[in-house]
Amino acid sequence: MLRELVASTKCVLFDFDGPVARLFAGYPAADVAGALKRQRAVRLDLNAKELCRVTPGGMIGISINKLAKSG
């Protein structure tokens, strides 16, 4: 059932608590957050100036808007 649910989605938003957090155990939170932010910025085609200004919430908003536009 989970496989079908995930297969029908365009994206999944994980909360970094509990089991997901264990994937990053031992790594500084700032390093993990920065790496994830840079990776998402590449997918969203953000330049360095835009990347420096965007907040985590803003990154989610930009992602949602891009998905909505892509249909």
C-alpha atoms as a PDB file:
ATOM      1  CA  MET A   1       0.000   0.000   0.000  1.00  0.00           C
ATOM      2  CA  LEU A   2       2.802   2.446   0.858  1.00  0.00           C
ATOM      3  CA  ARG A   3       4.530   1.736  -2.450  1.00  0.00           C
ATOM      4  CA  GLU A   4       1.401   2.662  -4.421  1.00  0.00           C
ATOM      5  CA  LEU A   5       0.880   5.807  -2.363  1.00  0.00           C
ATOM      6  CA  VAL A   6       4.451   7.036  -2.867  1.00  0.00           C
ATOM      7  CA  ALA A   7       4.500   6.053  -6.551  1.00  0.00           C
ATOM      8  CA  SER A   8       1.547   8.335  -7.236  1.00  0.00           C
ATOM      9  CA  THR A   9       3.186  11.449  -5.721  1.00  0.00           C
ATOM     10  CA  LYS A  10       5.416  14.132  -7.201  1.00  0.00           C
ATOM     11  CA  CYS A  11       7.283  14.717  -3.950  1.00  0.00           C
ATOM     12  CA  VAL A  12       7.456  13.656  -0.331  1.00  0.00           C
ATOM     13  CA  LEU A  13       8.245  15.974   2.575  1.00  0.00           C
ATOM     14  CA  PHE A  14      10.003  14.263   5.474  1.00  0.00           C
ATOM     15  CA  ASP A  15      10.162  15.592   9.003  1.00  0.00           C
ATOM     16  CA  PHE A  16      13.706  15.223  10.319  1.00  0.00           C
ATOM     17  CA  ASP A  17      12.668  13.485  13.486  1.00  0.00           C
ATOM     18  CA  GLY A  18      12.753   9.854  14.507  1.00  0.00           C
ATOM     19  CA  PRO A  19      13.748   7.252  11.897  1.00  0.00           C
ATOM     20  CA  VAL A  20      14.710   9.766   9.195  1.00  0.00           C
ATOM     21  CA  ALA A  21      17.005  11.610  11.607  1.00  0.00           C
ATOM     22  CA  ARG A  22      18.977   8.407  12.200  1.00  0.00           C
ATOM     23  CA  LEU A  23      20.144   8.516   8.573  1.00  0.00           C
ATOM     24  CA  PHE A  24      22.142  11.640   9.411  1.00  0.00           C
ATOM     25  CA  ALA A  25      23.353  10.651  12.911  1.00  0.00           C
ATOM     26  CA  GLY A  26      26.878  11.827  13.550  1.00  0.00           C
ATOM     27  CA  TYR A  27      26.800  14.626  10.995  1.00  0.00           C
ATOM     28  CA  PRO A  28      26.479  18.277  12.066  1.00  0.00           C
ATOM     29  CA  ALA A  29      22.931  19.529  11.427  1.00  0.00           C
ATOM     30  CA  ALA A  30      24.202  22.666   9.674  1.00  0.00           C
ATOM     31  CA  ASP A  31      26.217  20.549   7.219  1.00  0.00           C
ATOM     32  CA  VAL A  32      23.248  18.302   6.414  1.00  0.00           C
ATOM     33  CA  ALA A  33      20.889  21.262   6.023  1.00  0.00           C
ATOM     34  CA  GLY A  34      23.359  23.109   3.789  1.00  0.00           C
ATOM     35  CA  ALA A  35      23.907  20.083   1.565  1.00  0.00           C
ATOM     36  CA  LEU A  36      20.175  19.470   1.189  1.00  0.00           C
ATOM     37  CA  LYS A  37      19.561  23.150   0.463  1.00  0.00           C
ATOM     38  CA  ARG A  38      22.286  23.250  -2.221  1.00  0.00           C
ATOM     39  CA  GLN A  39      20.992  20.066  -3.827  1.00  0.00           C
ATOM     40  CA  ARG A  40      17.447  21.450  -3.974  1.00  0.00           C
ATOM     41  CA  ALA A  41      18.721  24.782  -5.322  1.00  0.00           C
ATOM     42  CA  VAL A  42      20.279  22.977  -8.282  1.00  0.00           C
ATOM     43  CA  ARG A  43      16.954  21.296  -9.061  1.00  0.00           C
ATOM     44  CA  LEU A  44      15.167  24.667  -8.777  1.00  0.00           C
ATOM     45  CA  ASP A  45      17.810  26.444 -10.873  1.00  0.00           C
ATOM     46  CA  LEU A  46      18.574  29.049  -8.185  1.00  0.00           C
ATOM     47  CA  ASN A  47      21.716  31.149  -8.488  1.00  0.00           C
ATOM     48  CA  ALA A  48      24.124  31.699  -5.578  1.00  0.00           C
ATOM     49  CA  LYS A  49      22.583  35.047  -4.605  1.00  0.00           C
ATOM     50  CA  GLU A  50      19.082  33.564  -4.481  1.00  0.00           C
ATOM     51  CA  LEU A  51      20.365  30.574  -2.523  1.00  0.00           C
ATOM     52  CA  CYS A  52      21.872  32.818   0.167  1.00  0.00           C
ATOM     53  CA  ARG A  53      18.599  34.727   0.623  1.00  0.00           C
ATOM     54  CA  VAL A  54      16.095  31.870   0.682  1.00  0.00           C
ATOM     55  CA  THR A  55      14.949  30.454   4.023  1.00  0.00           C
ATOM     56  CA  PRO A  56      14.035  26.787   4.552  1.00  0.00           C
ATOM     57  CA  GLY A  57      10.348  27.729   4.404  1.00  0.00           C
ATOM     58  CA  GLY A  58      10.993  29.747   1.265  1.00  0.00           C
ATOM     59  CA  MET A  59      12.682  26.739  -0.320  1.00  0.00           C
ATOM     60  CA  ILE A  60       9.554  24.680   0.304  1.00  0.00           C
ATOM     61  CA  GLY A  61       7.380  27.433  -1.191  1.00  0.00           C
ATOM     62  CA  ILE A  62       9.564  27.690  -4.307  1.00  0.00           C
ATOM     63  CA  SER A  63       9.437  23.906  -4.697  1.00  0.00           C
ATOM     64  CA  ILE A  64       5.643  23.859  -4.421  1.00  0.00           C
ATOM     65  CA  ASN A  65       5.282  26.654  -6.965  1.00  0.00           C
ATOM     66  CA  LYS A  66       7.589  24.892  -9.420  1.00  0.00           C
ATOM     67  CA  LEU A  67       5.649  21.639  -9.051  1.00  0.00           C
ATOM     68  CA  ALA A  68       2.358  23.464  -9.588  1.00  0.00           C
ATOM     69  CA  LYS A  69       3.666  25.078 -12.774  1.00  0.00           C
ATOM     70  CA  SER A  70       5.019  21.799 -14.116  1.00  0.00           C
ATOM     71  CA  GLY A  71       1.567  20.239 -13.984  1.00  0.00           C
END
